[in-house]
Amino acid sequence: MPRKAAQVHKTLLQFFKELRKLGAEFGYRSATEMLHLLYQLGTINSALTLNEQLDIAIMQKLLPKLHGSRRKLCPVLIALGKLCVENSKNVDKISHIEKDIFELEDYNYNQKQVLYPLSLEKIVRMYKGAIDNGFASFAEA
């Protein structure tokens, strides 16, 4: 499997695993649409990196599936947030991402370690909405 395909496969599986916990997993059609989108993005703008393409695909195809109560949604948002940050597997404590990213008012999403800045910013807004309102959805954040 070529390197790019392996990275896409790995990323999709990681997000699928976390979304499944919420009952918002995606099927073959969504995966195919994401692959189609990645191809189109590369054709339209060859300057986009694979991570930038994946970030757009995650925002358009995966995050809109998210909605629910604070109790149900926050653990999944924390896990998805970790997937958006490089070396997040080295983070043992959930509080790291909450304290160091989610709770900051002026977090810089354009840091090198942020793999998917658009998606992470949306996840943070959804998390804050869930904390403040007891419920959050993609459309409201």
Protein backbone atom coordinates (compact mmCIF):
# COMPACT_ATOMS: atom_id res chain seq x y z
CA MET A 1 0.00 0.00 0.00
CA PRO A 2 1.53 3.37 -0.97
CA ARG A 3 2.41 5.71 1.89
CA LYS A 4 -0.37 8.21 1.18
CA ALA A 5 -3.02 5.48 1.00
CA ALA A 6 -1.71 3.93 4.22
CA GLN A 7 -1.94 7.28 6.04
CA VAL A 8 -5.50 7.86 4.80
CA HIS A 9 -6.49 4.32 5.79
CA LYS A 10 -4.96 4.70 9.27
CA THR A 11 -6.61 8.09 9.84
CA LEU A 12 -10.05 6.90 8.73
CA LEU A 13 -9.83 3.83 10.98
CA GLN A 14 -8.84 5.96 13.98
CA PHE A 15 -11.78 8.31 13.48
CA PHE A 16 -14.16 5.39 12.77
CA LYS A 17 -13.17 3.74 16.06
CA GLU A 18 -13.96 6.87 18.08
CA LEU A 19 -17.17 7.72 16.21
CA ARG A 20 -18.42 4.16 16.71
CA LYS A 21 -18.43 4.78 20.47
CA LEU A 22 -21.06 7.47 19.88
CA GLY A 23 -23.03 5.46 17.34
CA ALA A 24 -21.94 7.91 14.63
CA GLU A 25 -19.61 5.64 12.73
CA PHE A 26 -19.51 5.90 8.97
CA GLY A 27 -19.92 3.29 6.28
CA TYR A 28 -18.47 2.52 2.90
CA ARG A 29 -20.37 5.34 1.21
CA SER A 30 -18.92 7.98 3.54
CA ALA A 31 -15.45 6.51 3.21
CA THR A 32 -15.77 6.47 -0.58
CA GLU A 33 -17.02 10.07 -0.57
CA MET A 34 -14.03 11.07 1.55
CA LEU A 35 -11.63 9.37 -0.85
CA HIS A 36 -13.35 11.09 -3.75
CA LEU A 37 -13.06 14.43 -1.95
CA LEU A 38 -9.36 13.87 -1.24
CA TYR A 39 -8.76 13.15 -4.92
CA GLN A 40 -10.68 16.26 -5.99
CA LEU A 41 -8.88 18.47 -3.47
CA GLY A 42 -5.52 17.23 -4.77
CA THR A 43 -6.62 17.93 -8.33
CA ILE A 44 -7.96 21.40 -7.58
CA ASN A 45 -5.02 22.50 -5.46
CA SER A 46 -1.88 20.38 -5.62
CA ALA A 47 -0.27 22.62 -2.99
CA LEU A 48 -2.53 21.18 -0.27
CA THR A 49 -0.74 18.71 1.95
CA LEU A 50 -2.35 15.37 2.73
CA ASN A 51 -3.09 16.56 6.27
CA GLU A 52 -4.81 19.68 4.91
CA GLN A 53 -6.89 17.49 2.60
CA LEU A 54 -7.77 15.12 5.44
CA ASP A 55 -8.69 18.08 7.64
CA ILE A 56 -11.19 19.33 5.06
CA ALA A 57 -12.60 15.83 4.60
CA ILE A 58 -13.00 15.30 8.35
CA MET A 59 -14.78 18.65 8.67
CA GLN A 60 -17.15 17.94 5.79
CA LYS A 61 -17.83 14.24 6.14
CA LEU A 62 -17.25 13.11 9.73
CA LEU A 63 -17.84 15.92 12.20
CA PRO A 64 -21.35 16.73 10.94
CA LYS A 65 -22.43 13.34 12.33
CA LEU A 66 -21.78 14.54 15.88
CA HIS A 67 -24.54 15.62 18.23
CA GLY A 68 -25.65 14.66 21.67
CA SER A 69 -25.65 15.30 25.37
CA ARG A 70 -22.61 16.43 27.31
CA ARG A 71 -22.28 13.04 28.96
CA LYS A 72 -22.41 11.20 25.66
CA LEU A 73 -20.48 13.63 23.44
CA CYS A 74 -17.60 15.01 25.55
CA PRO A 75 -15.58 11.77 25.86
CA VAL A 76 -15.77 11.29 22.08
CA LEU A 77 -14.81 14.92 21.41
CA ILE A 78 -11.80 14.52 23.71
CA ALA A 79 -10.72 11.37 21.85
CA LEU A 80 -11.22 13.03 18.44
CA GLY A 81 -9.32 16.09 19.63
CA LYS A 82 -6.40 13.86 20.53
CA LEU A 83 -6.41 12.43 16.99
CA CYS A 84 -6.04 15.97 15.64
CA VAL A 85 -2.79 16.56 17.55
CA GLU A 86 0.51 14.89 16.69
CA ASN A 87 1.99 12.56 19.29
CA SER A 88 -1.32 12.44 21.10
CA LYS A 89 -0.77 8.73 21.79
CA ASN A 90 1.95 9.78 24.24
CA VAL A 91 -0.69 11.62 26.26
CA ASP A 92 -1.78 9.39 29.09
CA LYS A 93 -4.11 11.78 30.84
CA ILE A 94 -7.36 13.02 29.33
CA SER A 95 -6.92 16.27 31.24
CA HIS A 96 -3.94 17.18 29.02
CA ILE A 97 -6.01 17.98 25.96
CA GLU A 98 -8.79 19.53 28.03
CA LYS A 99 -6.43 21.75 30.03
CA ASP A 100 -3.87 22.52 27.34
CA ILE A 101 -6.22 23.00 24.38
CA PHE A 102 -9.96 22.86 25.11
CA GLU A 103 -9.96 25.26 28.06
CA LEU A 104 -7.67 27.90 26.54
CA GLU A 105 -9.29 30.98 25.05
CA ASP A 106 -6.38 31.81 22.75
CA TYR A 107 -5.05 28.42 21.64
CA ASN A 108 -3.04 28.67 18.41
CA TYR A 109 -4.47 26.02 16.07
CA ASN A 110 -1.72 26.66 13.53
CA GLN A 111 1.02 25.09 15.62
CA LYS A 112 3.18 22.42 14.01
CA GLN A 113 1.84 19.63 16.25
CA VAL A 114 -1.78 20.26 15.19
CA LEU A 115 -2.45 17.87 12.31
CA TYR A 116 -6.00 18.99 11.55
CA PRO A 117 -6.50 22.60 12.71
CA LEU A 118 -9.95 23.19 11.16
CA SER A 119 -11.30 20.01 12.71
CA LEU A 120 -9.67 20.62 16.09
CA GLU A 121 -11.10 24.13 16.29
CA LYS A 122 -14.60 22.82 15.51
CA ILE A 123 -14.22 20.00 18.05
CA VAL A 124 -13.21 22.54 20.70
CA ARG A 125 -16.24 24.72 19.92
CA MET A 126 -18.51 21.69 20.15
CA TYR A 127 -16.90 20.64 23.44
CA LYS A 128 -17.41 24.11 24.91
CA GLY A 129 -21.01 24.10 23.69
CA ALA A 130 -21.62 20.74 25.33
CA ILE A 131 -20.11 21.95 28.60
CA ASP A 132 -22.02 25.25 28.59
CA ASN A 133 -25.38 23.98 27.30
CA GLY A 134 -25.42 20.29 28.18
CA PHE A 135 -25.82 19.46 24.49
CA ALA A 136 -23.91 20.14 21.27
CA SER A 137 -24.18 19.50 17.55
CA PHE A 138 -22.04 20.30 14.54
CA ALA A 139 -24.55 22.87 13.27
CA GLU A 140 -24.59 24.84 16.51
CA ALA A 141 -20.87 25.02 17.23
